[in-house]
Amino acid sequence: MSDHEIKSEHPQPDALRRQLVKGGLATTVVLATLTSKQVLGAATYNCTISGKMSGNTSGHGQNQACGIGLSPGYWKFPNSPQYHTWPAGSWTPSTLFYGATCGGASFVNAFPAYPGKTLLQVLGTTGGNSSRPYAALARAVIATVLNSVKFAPNYAISGSEAIQMYNSVYSTGTYQPKPGVSWGAGCCTAYLESLYQLASGETAYGSTAGCTGLT
């Protein structure tokens, strides 16, 4: 299995399982499939981007706490007893940030210094979102992808969507959660931080000021 591909270690949805069994196939489903809008029924709707944009009025279940994930501060100490081992079959800490792929989405070369930063090195960066490469958002997205594997299918955003969010902010300065709505790096970081618990002493870098759906 490639280090640049995230695959889920969780059981596949019933409908997909029946389809695979009927066809006599046995395969591992990539994260993007598990966290598609059709499969995310287990996730709390008010935590998804769609739920935020609809004002949590869609009736997709009760509004519940969203912060089930683990923060960048937890993930940046792999294999340490008090922290968390990276999910089996996912990226490794030595995977290069540039080109790291999940569900068909790959990070842009936001940290170009040769030979490039690894995911673990990006998790160890400091600073916020005042300028490119938006280090705080990069850290939040890495944690989000790992969380989306560990907690699939109960995480509110897919890994591929999180990477696309980062690439859009890096390339254009904003991400559009829906047509006519733009989130900057601070808004995107605030949303991702709402899905996990900060480690002790860890700083929140997101800001909900002016962020449609988050205020």
N, C-alpha and C. Protein backbone atom coordinates (compact mmCIF):
# COMPACT_ATOMS: atom_id res chain seq x y z
N MET A 1 0.84 -1.20 0.00
CA MET A 1 0.00 0.00 0.00
C MET A 1 0.87 1.24 0.00
N SER A 2 0.58 2.18 -0.84
CA SER A 2 1.36 3.40 -0.94
C SER A 2 1.17 4.28 0.28
N ASP A 3 2.27 4.92 0.69
CA ASP A 3 2.18 5.87 1.80
C ASP A 3 1.36 7.08 1.43
N HIS A 4 1.13 7.27 0.13
CA HIS A 4 0.44 8.47 -0.33
C HIS A 4 -1.04 8.22 -0.54
N GLU A 5 -1.54 7.11 -0.01
CA GLU A 5 -2.96 6.81 -0.15
C GLU A 5 -3.53 6.46 1.20
N ILE A 6 -4.66 7.05 1.54
CA ILE A 6 -5.31 6.74 2.80
C ILE A 6 -6.41 5.76 2.52
N LYS A 7 -6.40 4.65 3.23
CA LYS A 7 -7.46 3.66 3.08
C LYS A 7 -8.05 3.39 4.44
N SER A 8 -9.34 3.13 4.47
CA SER A 8 -10.03 2.94 5.74
C SER A 8 -9.85 1.54 6.25
N GLU A 9 -9.73 1.42 7.59
CA GLU A 9 -9.65 0.11 8.21
C GLU A 9 -11.00 -0.30 8.77
N HIS A 10 -12.04 0.46 8.48
CA HIS A 10 -13.35 0.22 9.04
C HIS A 10 -14.21 -0.56 8.07
N PRO A 11 -15.26 -1.28 8.55
CA PRO A 11 -16.14 -2.03 7.67
C PRO A 11 -16.79 -1.13 6.65
N GLN A 12 -17.05 -1.68 5.45
CA GLN A 12 -17.67 -0.93 4.40
C GLN A 12 -19.17 -0.83 4.64
N PRO A 13 -19.82 0.19 4.07
CA PRO A 13 -21.27 0.33 4.19
C PRO A 13 -21.98 -0.88 3.63
N ASP A 14 -23.18 -1.19 4.17
CA ASP A 14 -23.90 -2.40 3.79
C ASP A 14 -24.18 -2.47 2.30
N ALA A 15 -24.62 -1.37 1.71
CA ALA A 15 -24.95 -1.40 0.29
C ALA A 15 -23.74 -1.73 -0.56
N LEU A 16 -22.59 -1.12 -0.22
CA LEU A 16 -21.38 -1.39 -0.96
C LEU A 16 -20.91 -2.81 -0.72
N ARG A 17 -21.06 -3.29 0.53
CA ARG A 17 -20.66 -4.66 0.84
C ARG A 17 -21.44 -5.65 0.00
N ARG A 18 -22.77 -5.43 -0.11
CA ARG A 18 -23.57 -6.35 -0.91
C ARG A 18 -23.16 -6.33 -2.36
N GLN A 19 -22.82 -5.14 -2.85
CA GLN A 19 -22.39 -5.03 -4.24
C GLN A 19 -21.08 -5.78 -4.48
N LEU A 20 -20.14 -5.65 -3.54
CA LEU A 20 -18.86 -6.32 -3.70
C LEU A 20 -19.00 -7.83 -3.60
N VAL A 21 -19.83 -8.29 -2.64
CA VAL A 21 -20.03 -9.73 -2.48
C VAL A 21 -20.68 -10.31 -3.72
N LYS A 22 -21.67 -9.61 -4.27
CA LYS A 22 -22.36 -10.09 -5.46
C LYS A 22 -21.38 -10.22 -6.62
N GLY A 23 -20.46 -9.31 -6.72
CA GLY A 23 -19.50 -9.35 -7.81
C GLY A 23 -18.30 -10.22 -7.52
N GLY A 24 -18.26 -10.82 -6.33
CA GLY A 24 -17.17 -11.71 -5.97
C GLY A 24 -15.88 -10.97 -5.74
N LEU A 25 -15.96 -9.72 -5.29
CA LEU A 25 -14.76 -8.92 -5.11
C LEU A 25 -14.48 -8.72 -3.64
N ALA A 26 -13.21 -8.59 -3.29
CA ALA A 26 -12.81 -8.22 -1.94
C ALA A 26 -11.79 -7.12 -2.09
N THR A 27 -12.09 -5.95 -1.56
CA THR A 27 -11.20 -4.81 -1.73
C THR A 27 -11.32 -3.89 -0.55
N THR A 28 -10.40 -2.96 -0.41
CA THR A 28 -10.44 -1.94 0.62
C THR A 28 -10.95 -0.66 0.00
N VAL A 29 -11.89 -0.02 0.64
CA VAL A 29 -12.50 1.18 0.09
C VAL A 29 -11.71 2.40 0.52
N VAL A 30 -11.38 3.26 -0.41
CA VAL A 30 -10.61 4.45 -0.06
C VAL A 30 -11.47 5.40 0.73
N LEU A 31 -10.81 6.28 1.45
CA LEU A 31 -11.49 7.18 2.37
C LEU A 31 -12.56 8.02 1.69
N ALA A 32 -12.30 8.48 0.48
CA ALA A 32 -13.26 9.36 -0.18
C ALA A 32 -14.59 8.66 -0.38
N THR A 33 -14.57 7.34 -0.61
CA THR A 33 -15.82 6.61 -0.76
C THR A 33 -16.54 6.50 0.56
N LEU A 34 -15.81 6.19 1.61
CA LEU A 34 -16.43 6.02 2.91
C LEU A 34 -17.05 7.31 3.42
N THR A 35 -16.47 8.42 3.07
CA THR A 35 -16.95 9.68 3.62
C THR A 35 -17.71 10.50 2.60
N SER A 36 -18.22 9.85 1.58
CA SER A 36 -19.06 10.56 0.62
C SER A 36 -20.33 11.02 1.30
N LYS A 37 -21.05 11.93 0.67
CA LYS A 37 -22.26 12.46 1.28
C LYS A 37 -23.28 11.35 1.54
N GLN A 38 -23.29 10.28 0.69
CA GLN A 38 -24.24 9.21 0.89
C GLN A 38 -23.91 8.37 2.12
N VAL A 39 -22.64 8.28 2.47
CA VAL A 39 -22.21 7.40 3.54
C VAL A 39 -22.08 8.12 4.87
N LEU A 40 -22.06 9.46 4.85
CA LEU A 40 -21.81 10.21 6.07
C LEU A 40 -23.02 10.29 6.99
N GLY A 41 -23.97 9.37 6.83
CA GLY A 41 -25.15 9.39 7.67
C GLY A 41 -24.83 9.23 9.14
N ALA A 42 -23.71 8.57 9.45
CA ALA A 42 -23.34 8.37 10.84
C ALA A 42 -22.78 9.63 11.47
N ALA A 43 -22.30 10.55 10.66
CA ALA A 43 -21.76 11.79 11.20
C ALA A 43 -22.91 12.71 11.61
N THR A 44 -22.68 13.49 12.65
CA THR A 44 -23.70 14.44 13.10
C THR A 44 -23.83 15.54 12.06
N TYR A 45 -25.03 15.72 11.53
CA TYR A 45 -25.21 16.60 10.38
C TYR A 45 -24.83 18.04 10.69
N ASN A 46 -25.13 18.51 11.90
CA ASN A 46 -24.82 19.91 12.20
C ASN A 46 -23.31 20.18 12.23
N CYS A 47 -22.49 19.12 12.19
CA CYS A 47 -21.04 19.29 12.19
C CYS A 47 -20.47 19.37 10.78
N THR A 48 -21.22 18.93 9.78
CA THR A 48 -20.73 18.96 8.41
C THR A 48 -20.79 20.37 7.85
N ILE A 49 -20.07 20.60 6.75
CA ILE A 49 -20.12 21.90 6.11
C ILE A 49 -21.53 22.18 5.61
N SER A 50 -22.19 21.17 5.06
CA SER A 50 -23.56 21.36 4.59
C SER A 50 -24.48 21.76 5.74
N GLY A 51 -24.29 21.14 6.89
CA GLY A 51 -25.08 21.49 8.06
C GLY A 51 -24.83 22.91 8.51
N LYS A 52 -23.57 23.32 8.49
CA LYS A 52 -23.24 24.70 8.87
C LYS A 52 -23.91 25.70 7.91
N MET A 53 -23.86 25.38 6.63
CA MET A 53 -24.40 26.29 5.63
C MET A 53 -25.93 26.37 5.69
N SER A 54 -26.57 25.29 6.16
CA SER A 54 -28.03 25.29 6.22
C SER A 54 -28.55 25.82 7.55
N GLY A 55 -27.64 26.21 8.43
CA GLY A 55 -28.04 26.71 9.73
C GLY A 55 -28.55 25.62 10.64
N ASN A 56 -28.14 24.37 10.37
CA ASN A 56 -28.50 23.23 11.22
C ASN A 56 -30.01 23.01 11.29
N THR A 57 -30.70 23.35 10.22
CA THR A 57 -32.17 23.23 10.26
C THR A 57 -32.68 22.12 9.35
N SER A 58 -31.77 21.27 8.89
CA SER A 58 -32.16 20.31 7.87
C SER A 58 -32.92 19.11 8.40
N GLY A 59 -32.86 18.86 9.70
CA GLY A 59 -33.56 17.70 10.24
C GLY A 59 -32.84 16.40 10.00
N HIS A 60 -31.52 16.44 9.85
CA HIS A 60 -30.74 15.23 9.64
C HIS A 60 -30.31 14.62 10.97
N GLY A 61 -31.11 14.74 11.97
CA GLY A 61 -30.73 14.20 13.27
C GLY A 61 -30.51 15.31 14.27
N GLN A 62 -30.27 14.94 15.52
CA GLN A 62 -30.12 15.91 16.58
C GLN A 62 -28.75 16.58 16.51
N ASN A 63 -28.72 17.86 16.90
CA ASN A 63 -27.45 18.56 17.00
C ASN A 63 -26.68 18.03 18.21
N GLN A 64 -25.44 17.64 17.97
CA GLN A 64 -24.62 17.08 19.03
C GLN A 64 -23.23 17.70 18.96
N ALA A 65 -22.44 17.45 19.98
CA ALA A 65 -21.08 17.97 20.00
C ALA A 65 -20.29 17.43 18.81
N CYS A 66 -19.46 18.28 18.23
CA CYS A 66 -18.74 17.90 17.01
C CYS A 66 -17.30 17.45 17.28
N GLY A 67 -16.72 17.83 18.41
CA GLY A 67 -15.29 17.66 18.62
C GLY A 67 -14.87 16.26 19.03
N ILE A 68 -15.03 15.31 18.13
CA ILE A 68 -14.66 13.92 18.46
C ILE A 68 -13.23 13.60 18.07
N GLY A 69 -12.58 14.48 17.29
CA GLY A 69 -11.27 14.17 16.75
C GLY A 69 -10.11 14.53 17.66
N LEU A 70 -8.91 14.30 17.15
CA LEU A 70 -7.67 14.57 17.86
C LEU A 70 -6.93 15.71 17.16
N SER A 71 -6.26 16.52 17.92
CA SER A 71 -5.65 17.75 17.39
C SER A 71 -4.28 17.49 16.77
N PRO A 72 -3.75 18.48 16.05
CA PRO A 72 -2.37 18.36 15.55
C PRO A 72 -1.38 18.08 16.67
N GLY A 73 -1.61 18.65 17.85
CA GLY A 73 -0.71 18.42 18.97
C GLY A 73 -0.66 16.98 19.42
N TYR A 74 -1.74 16.24 19.23
CA TYR A 74 -1.73 14.81 19.54
C TYR A 74 -1.02 14.02 18.45
N TRP A 75 -1.32 14.34 17.20
CA TRP A 75 -0.79 13.55 16.09
C TRP A 75 0.70 13.76 15.87
N LYS A 76 1.28 14.87 16.35
CA LYS A 76 2.68 15.14 16.01
C LYS A 76 3.66 14.37 16.88
N PHE A 77 3.18 13.53 17.77
CA PHE A 77 4.06 12.68 18.56
C PHE A 77 3.68 11.21 18.32
N PRO A 78 3.89 10.70 17.10
CA PRO A 78 3.46 9.33 16.80
C PRO A 78 4.19 8.32 17.67
N ASN A 79 3.43 7.32 18.08
CA ASN A 79 3.95 6.18 18.85
C ASN A 79 4.33 6.52 20.28
N SER A 80 4.11 7.77 20.69
CA SER A 80 4.35 8.12 22.08
C SER A 80 3.18 7.62 22.92
N PRO A 81 3.44 6.99 24.05
CA PRO A 81 2.34 6.36 24.81
C PRO A 81 1.21 7.31 25.16
N GLN A 82 1.53 8.58 25.44
CA GLN A 82 0.47 9.50 25.84
C GLN A 82 -0.23 10.13 24.65
N TYR A 83 0.25 9.83 23.43
CA TYR A 83 -0.39 10.39 22.24
C TYR A 83 -0.94 9.25 21.39
N HIS A 84 -0.97 9.40 20.09
CA HIS A 84 -1.74 8.46 19.28
C HIS A 84 -0.95 7.99 18.06
N THR A 85 -0.93 6.69 17.87
CA THR A 85 -0.31 6.10 16.70
C THR A 85 -1.14 6.44 15.47
N TRP A 86 -0.49 6.74 14.38
CA TRP A 86 -1.21 7.06 13.15
C TRP A 86 -1.97 5.83 12.67
N PRO A 87 -3.17 6.02 12.11
CA PRO A 87 -4.00 4.87 11.72
C PRO A 87 -3.29 3.93 10.76
N ALA A 88 -3.47 2.65 10.97
CA ALA A 88 -2.87 1.64 10.10
C ALA A 88 -3.35 1.83 8.67
N GLY A 89 -2.42 1.76 7.74
CA GLY A 89 -2.79 1.89 6.34
C GLY A 89 -2.89 3.31 5.85
N SER A 90 -2.61 4.28 6.72
CA SER A 90 -2.70 5.68 6.32
C SER A 90 -1.32 6.21 5.97
N TRP A 91 -1.23 7.52 5.84
CA TRP A 91 0.07 8.13 5.66
C TRP A 91 1.00 7.72 6.81
N THR A 92 2.30 7.80 6.57
CA THR A 92 3.27 7.65 7.64
C THR A 92 3.80 9.04 7.98
N PRO A 93 4.40 9.22 9.15
CA PRO A 93 4.96 10.54 9.49
C PRO A 93 6.00 11.03 8.48
N SER A 94 6.66 10.10 7.78
CA SER A 94 7.71 10.50 6.83
C SER A 94 7.18 10.76 5.43
N THR A 95 5.87 10.59 5.20
CA THR A 95 5.29 10.91 3.90
C THR A 95 5.48 12.39 3.61
N LEU A 96 5.90 12.73 2.41
CA LEU A 96 6.09 14.12 2.05
C LEU A 96 4.74 14.84 1.96
N PHE A 97 4.70 16.06 2.48
CA PHE A 97 3.49 16.86 2.41
C PHE A 97 3.08 17.08 0.96
N TYR A 98 4.01 17.52 0.13
CA TYR A 98 3.70 17.77 -1.27
C TYR A 98 3.38 16.45 -1.97
N GLY A 99 2.17 16.35 -2.46
CA GLY A 99 1.77 15.14 -3.17
C GLY A 99 1.09 14.11 -2.30
N ALA A 100 1.06 14.29 -0.97
CA ALA A 100 0.35 13.35 -0.11
C ALA A 100 -1.11 13.33 -0.53
N THR A 101 -1.63 12.15 -0.82
CA THR A 101 -2.94 12.02 -1.47
C THR A 101 -3.94 11.32 -0.59
N CYS A 102 -5.16 11.78 -0.65
CA CYS A 102 -6.27 11.13 0.03
C CYS A 102 -7.50 11.24 -0.86
N GLY A 103 -8.06 10.11 -1.23
CA GLY A 103 -9.27 10.11 -2.04
C GLY A 103 -9.14 10.85 -3.35
N GLY A 104 -7.94 10.86 -3.92
CA GLY A 104 -7.73 11.52 -5.20
C GLY A 104 -7.30 12.97 -5.10
N ALA A 105 -7.31 13.55 -3.90
CA ALA A 105 -6.87 14.93 -3.70
C ALA A 105 -5.45 14.94 -3.14
N SER A 106 -4.59 15.78 -3.70
CA SER A 106 -3.19 15.84 -3.28
C SER A 106 -2.82 17.26 -2.86
N PHE A 107 -2.00 17.38 -1.82
CA PHE A 107 -1.53 18.70 -1.38
C PHE A 107 -0.68 19.37 -2.45
N VAL A 108 -0.86 20.66 -2.59
CA VAL A 108 0.03 21.45 -3.44
C VAL A 108 1.38 21.60 -2.74
N ASN A 109 2.37 22.09 -3.49
CA ASN A 109 3.72 22.22 -2.93
C ASN A 109 3.84 23.50 -2.12
N ALA A 110 3.20 23.50 -0.95
CA ALA A 110 3.18 24.70 -0.12
C ALA A 110 4.45 24.88 0.71
N PHE A 111 5.22 23.81 0.88
CA PHE A 111 6.47 23.87 1.64
C PHE A 111 7.58 23.35 0.71
N PRO A 112 8.06 24.20 -0.20
CA PRO A 112 8.90 23.73 -1.30
C PRO A 112 10.36 23.50 -0.96
N ALA A 113 10.81 23.83 0.24
CA ALA A 113 12.24 23.70 0.55
C ALA A 113 12.70 22.26 0.31
N TYR A 114 13.71 22.10 -0.51
CA TYR A 114 14.23 20.78 -0.87
C TYR A 114 14.77 20.06 0.35
N PRO A 115 14.50 18.76 0.53
CA PRO A 115 13.70 17.89 -0.33
C PRO A 115 12.21 17.94 -0.02
N GLY A 116 11.78 18.99 0.67
CA GLY A 116 10.37 19.12 1.02
C GLY A 116 10.12 18.65 2.43
N LYS A 117 9.08 19.19 3.01
CA LYS A 117 8.75 18.82 4.39
C LYS A 117 7.88 17.57 4.42
N THR A 118 8.10 16.75 5.44
CA THR A 118 7.24 15.60 5.67
C THR A 118 5.98 16.07 6.41
N LEU A 119 5.00 15.20 6.46
CA LEU A 119 3.80 15.52 7.21
C LEU A 119 4.12 15.81 8.67
N LEU A 120 5.02 15.02 9.25
CA LEU A 120 5.39 15.23 10.65
C LEU A 120 6.08 16.57 10.83
N GLN A 121 6.93 16.96 9.88
CA GLN A 121 7.61 18.25 9.97
C GLN A 121 6.61 19.41 9.86
N VAL A 122 5.60 19.26 9.02
CA VAL A 122 4.58 20.31 8.92
C VAL A 122 3.79 20.39 10.23
N LEU A 123 3.50 19.25 10.84
CA LEU A 123 2.82 19.26 12.14
C LEU A 123 3.66 19.97 13.20
N GLY A 124 4.96 19.97 13.01
CA GLY A 124 5.86 20.61 13.97
C GLY A 124 6.14 22.07 13.69
N THR A 125 5.51 22.63 12.65
CA THR A 125 5.72 24.05 12.35
C THR A 125 5.04 24.92 13.40
N THR A 126 5.42 26.18 13.43
CA THR A 126 4.79 27.14 14.33
C THR A 126 4.13 28.24 13.52
N GLY A 127 3.38 29.06 14.19
CA GLY A 127 2.77 30.19 13.52
C GLY A 127 1.34 29.91 13.10
N GLY A 128 0.69 30.97 12.69
CA GLY A 128 -0.72 30.89 12.36
C GLY A 128 -1.01 30.94 10.88
N ASN A 129 -1.95 31.83 10.51
CA ASN A 129 -2.41 31.89 9.14
C ASN A 129 -2.23 33.29 8.53
N SER A 130 -1.25 34.02 9.01
CA SER A 130 -1.08 35.39 8.55
C SER A 130 -0.62 35.46 7.10
N SER A 131 0.04 34.42 6.62
CA SER A 131 0.53 34.43 5.24
C SER A 131 0.75 33.00 4.77
N ARG A 132 0.89 32.84 3.48
CA ARG A 132 1.22 31.53 2.94
C ARG A 132 2.53 31.04 3.55
N PRO A 133 2.67 29.75 3.86
CA PRO A 133 1.82 28.63 3.47
C PRO A 133 0.68 28.32 4.43
N TYR A 134 0.26 29.29 5.25
CA TYR A 134 -0.84 29.06 6.17
C TYR A 134 -0.58 27.81 7.03
N ALA A 135 0.48 27.90 7.82
CA ALA A 135 0.96 26.73 8.56
C ALA A 135 -0.10 26.15 9.50
N ALA A 136 -0.85 27.02 10.18
CA ALA A 136 -1.86 26.52 11.12
C ALA A 136 -2.94 25.74 10.40
N LEU A 137 -3.35 26.21 9.23
CA LEU A 137 -4.35 25.48 8.46
C LEU A 137 -3.79 24.16 7.96
N ALA A 138 -2.53 24.16 7.54
CA ALA A 138 -1.90 22.90 7.09
C ALA A 138 -1.90 21.88 8.21
N ARG A 139 -1.55 22.31 9.42
CA ARG A 139 -1.54 21.38 10.55
C ARG A 139 -2.95 20.85 10.81
N ALA A 140 -3.94 21.74 10.74
CA ALA A 140 -5.31 21.33 11.00
C ALA A 140 -5.81 20.35 9.96
N VAL A 141 -5.40 20.54 8.72
CA VAL A 141 -5.85 19.64 7.66
C VAL A 141 -5.21 18.26 7.81
N ILE A 142 -3.93 18.20 8.14
CA ILE A 142 -3.29 16.90 8.37
C ILE A 142 -4.01 16.15 9.48
N ALA A 143 -4.27 16.84 10.59
CA ALA A 143 -5.00 16.20 11.69
C ALA A 143 -6.38 15.75 11.24
N THR A 144 -7.02 16.55 10.41
CA THR A 144 -8.37 16.21 9.93
C THR A 144 -8.36 14.95 9.09
N VAL A 145 -7.37 14.81 8.20
CA VAL A 145 -7.30 13.61 7.37
C VAL A 145 -7.08 12.37 8.24
N LEU A 146 -6.17 12.46 9.20
CA LEU A 146 -5.94 11.33 10.09
C LEU A 146 -7.18 11.01 10.92
N ASN A 147 -7.88 12.04 11.37
CA ASN A 147 -9.11 11.83 12.13
C ASN A 147 -10.19 11.18 11.27
N SER A 148 -10.25 11.58 9.99
CA SER A 148 -11.29 11.03 9.13
C SER A 148 -11.08 9.55 8.86
N VAL A 149 -9.84 9.08 8.98
CA VAL A 149 -9.57 7.65 8.89
C VAL A 149 -9.90 6.96 10.21
N LYS A 150 -9.38 7.52 11.29
CA LYS A 150 -9.57 6.90 12.61
C LYS A 150 -11.03 6.80 13.00
N PHE A 151 -11.82 7.82 12.67
CA PHE A 151 -13.20 7.87 13.12
C PHE A 151 -14.22 7.63 12.00
N ALA A 152 -13.76 7.16 10.85
CA ALA A 152 -14.68 6.88 9.75
C ALA A 152 -15.72 5.83 10.17
N PRO A 153 -16.98 5.98 9.75
CA PRO A 153 -17.52 7.04 8.90
C PRO A 153 -18.16 8.15 9.71
N ASN A 154 -17.72 8.35 10.95
CA ASN A 154 -18.38 9.30 11.85
C ASN A 154 -17.78 10.69 11.84
N TYR A 155 -16.77 10.92 10.99
CA TYR A 155 -16.17 12.25 10.97
C TYR A 155 -16.92 13.13 9.98
N ALA A 156 -16.99 14.41 10.28
CA ALA A 156 -17.90 15.30 9.56
C ALA A 156 -17.36 15.79 8.22
N ILE A 157 -16.11 15.55 7.92
CA ILE A 157 -15.54 15.99 6.65
C ILE A 157 -14.59 14.91 6.16
N SER A 158 -14.57 14.69 4.87
CA SER A 158 -13.67 13.70 4.29
C SER A 158 -12.26 14.26 4.18
N GLY A 159 -11.29 13.37 4.12
CA GLY A 159 -9.91 13.81 3.96
C GLY A 159 -9.68 14.54 2.66
N SER A 160 -10.30 14.07 1.58
CA SER A 160 -10.11 14.72 0.28
C SER A 160 -10.69 16.13 0.29
N GLU A 161 -11.83 16.31 0.94
CA GLU A 161 -12.43 17.64 1.01
C GLU A 161 -11.55 18.59 1.81
N ALA A 162 -10.94 18.09 2.89
CA ALA A 162 -10.06 18.93 3.70
C ALA A 162 -8.84 19.36 2.89
N ILE A 163 -8.26 18.45 2.10
CA ILE A 163 -7.11 18.81 1.27
C ILE A 163 -7.51 19.83 0.21
N GLN A 164 -8.67 19.64 -0.41
CA GLN A 164 -9.15 20.60 -1.39
C GLN A 164 -9.36 21.97 -0.76
N MET A 165 -9.82 21.99 0.48
CA MET A 165 -9.98 23.24 1.20
C MET A 165 -8.63 23.95 1.33
N TYR A 166 -7.62 23.21 1.76
CA TYR A 166 -6.29 23.81 1.93
C TYR A 166 -5.75 24.32 0.59
N ASN A 167 -5.84 23.50 -0.45
CA ASN A 167 -5.30 23.89 -1.75
C ASN A 167 -5.98 25.15 -2.28
N SER A 168 -7.28 25.27 -2.07
CA SER A 168 -8.01 26.44 -2.53
C SER A 168 -7.55 27.70 -1.78
N VAL A 169 -7.40 27.59 -0.47
CA VAL A 169 -6.95 28.74 0.31
C VAL A 169 -5.52 29.12 -0.08
N TYR A 170 -4.67 28.12 -0.25
CA TYR A 170 -3.27 28.40 -0.61
C TYR A 170 -3.18 29.08 -1.98
N SER A 171 -3.99 28.61 -2.92
CA SER A 171 -3.89 29.09 -4.30
C SER A 171 -4.65 30.39 -4.54
N THR A 172 -5.80 30.58 -3.88
CA THR A 172 -6.65 31.72 -4.19
C THR A 172 -6.91 32.63 -2.99
N GLY A 173 -6.57 32.17 -1.80
CA GLY A 173 -6.82 32.96 -0.60
C GLY A 173 -8.12 32.63 0.10
N THR A 174 -9.01 31.92 -0.58
CA THR A 174 -10.30 31.57 0.02
C THR A 174 -10.75 30.19 -0.42
N TYR A 175 -11.72 29.66 0.34
CA TYR A 175 -12.40 28.41 0.01
C TYR A 175 -13.90 28.70 0.01
N GLN A 176 -14.61 28.15 -0.96
CA GLN A 176 -16.05 28.39 -1.05
C GLN A 176 -16.81 27.15 -0.56
N PRO A 177 -17.36 27.20 0.68
CA PRO A 177 -18.14 26.07 1.17
C PRO A 177 -19.45 25.91 0.40
N LYS A 178 -19.93 26.99 -0.20
CA LYS A 178 -21.06 26.94 -1.12
C LYS A 178 -20.97 28.18 -2.00
N PRO A 179 -21.64 28.18 -3.16
CA PRO A 179 -21.55 29.33 -4.05
C PRO A 179 -21.94 30.63 -3.34
N GLY A 180 -21.11 31.63 -3.52
CA GLY A 180 -21.38 32.94 -2.94
C GLY A 180 -20.86 33.12 -1.53
N VAL A 181 -20.29 32.07 -0.93
CA VAL A 181 -19.73 32.15 0.42
C VAL A 181 -18.25 31.83 0.36
N SER A 182 -17.43 32.67 0.97
CA SER A 182 -15.99 32.47 0.96
C SER A 182 -15.45 32.43 2.38
N TRP A 183 -14.62 31.42 2.65
CA TRP A 183 -13.91 31.33 3.91
C TRP A 183 -12.43 31.54 3.65
N GLY A 184 -11.79 32.39 4.46
CA GLY A 184 -10.35 32.51 4.41
C GLY A 184 -9.70 31.44 5.28
N ALA A 185 -8.39 31.54 5.43
CA ALA A 185 -7.66 30.54 6.20
C ALA A 185 -8.15 30.47 7.64
N GLY A 186 -8.45 31.63 8.25
CA GLY A 186 -8.91 31.63 9.64
C GLY A 186 -10.24 30.93 9.81
N CYS A 187 -11.15 31.13 8.86
CA CYS A 187 -12.46 30.47 8.92
C CYS A 187 -12.31 28.97 8.76
N CYS A 188 -11.51 28.57 7.78
CA CYS A 188 -11.32 27.14 7.53
C CYS A 188 -10.68 26.46 8.75
N THR A 189 -9.69 27.11 9.34
CA THR A 189 -9.05 26.55 10.53
C THR A 189 -10.04 26.47 11.68
N ALA A 190 -10.86 27.48 11.85
CA ALA A 190 -11.86 27.48 12.92
C ALA A 190 -12.83 26.31 12.75
N TYR A 191 -13.26 26.07 11.52
CA TYR A 191 -14.18 24.94 11.28
C TYR A 191 -13.51 23.62 11.62
N LEU A 192 -12.29 23.40 11.13
CA LEU A 192 -11.60 22.13 11.39
C LEU A 192 -11.32 21.96 12.88
N GLU A 193 -10.96 23.06 13.56
CA GLU A 193 -10.70 22.97 15.01
C GLU A 193 -11.97 22.62 15.79
N SER A 194 -13.13 22.97 15.25
CA SER A 194 -14.37 22.63 15.95
C SER A 194 -14.66 21.14 15.94
N LEU A 195 -13.92 20.40 15.12
CA LEU A 195 -14.14 18.95 14.99
C LEU A 195 -13.20 18.13 15.85
N TYR A 196 -12.26 18.79 16.55
CA TYR A 196 -11.36 18.05 17.44
C TYR A 196 -11.08 18.83 18.72
N GLN A 197 -10.54 18.11 19.70
CA GLN A 197 -10.21 18.71 20.99
C GLN A 197 -8.75 19.12 21.01
N LEU A 198 -8.47 20.36 21.37
CA LEU A 198 -7.09 20.80 21.45
C LEU A 198 -6.36 20.11 22.59
N ALA A 199 -5.09 19.80 22.36
CA ALA A 199 -4.26 19.22 23.41
C ALA A 199 -3.96 20.29 24.46
N SER A 200 -3.56 19.86 25.63
CA SER A 200 -3.24 20.79 26.71
C SER A 200 -2.15 21.76 26.28
N GLY A 201 -2.42 23.05 26.42
CA GLY A 201 -1.46 24.07 26.05
C GLY A 201 -1.43 24.41 24.57
N GLU A 202 -2.25 23.75 23.78
CA GLU A 202 -2.26 23.99 22.35
C GLU A 202 -3.11 25.22 22.02
N THR A 203 -2.64 25.99 21.05
CA THR A 203 -3.31 27.24 20.69
C THR A 203 -4.33 27.02 19.58
N ALA A 204 -5.47 27.67 19.69
CA ALA A 204 -6.44 27.69 18.60
C ALA A 204 -6.08 28.85 17.68
N TYR A 205 -5.97 28.57 16.39
CA TYR A 205 -5.58 29.59 15.43
C TYR A 205 -6.74 30.05 14.55
N GLY A 206 -7.87 29.40 14.63
CA GLY A 206 -9.00 29.76 13.82
C GLY A 206 -9.74 30.96 14.38
N SER A 207 -10.46 31.65 13.50
CA SER A 207 -11.29 32.76 13.91
C SER A 207 -12.62 32.68 13.16
N THR A 208 -13.73 32.80 13.86
CA THR A 208 -15.04 32.72 13.24
C THR A 208 -15.57 34.08 12.81
N ALA A 209 -14.82 35.13 13.03
CA ALA A 209 -15.27 36.48 12.69
C ALA A 209 -15.53 36.60 11.18
N GLY A 210 -16.75 36.95 10.83
CA GLY A 210 -17.09 37.12 9.42
C GLY A 210 -17.23 35.84 8.64
N CYS A 211 -17.29 34.71 9.33
CA CYS A 211 -17.34 33.41 8.66
C CYS A 211 -18.79 32.91 8.60
N THR A 212 -19.40 33.01 7.44
CA THR A 212 -20.78 32.56 7.26
C THR A 212 -20.92 31.10 7.64
N GLY A 213 -21.90 30.81 8.51
CA GLY A 213 -22.13 29.45 8.94
C GLY A 213 -21.43 29.08 10.22
N LEU A 214 -20.41 29.85 10.60
CA LEU A 214 -19.64 29.53 11.80
C LEU A 214 -19.91 30.49 12.94
N THR A 215 -20.64 31.58 12.70
CA THR A 215 -20.87 32.58 13.75
C THR A 215 -22.29 32.48 14.27
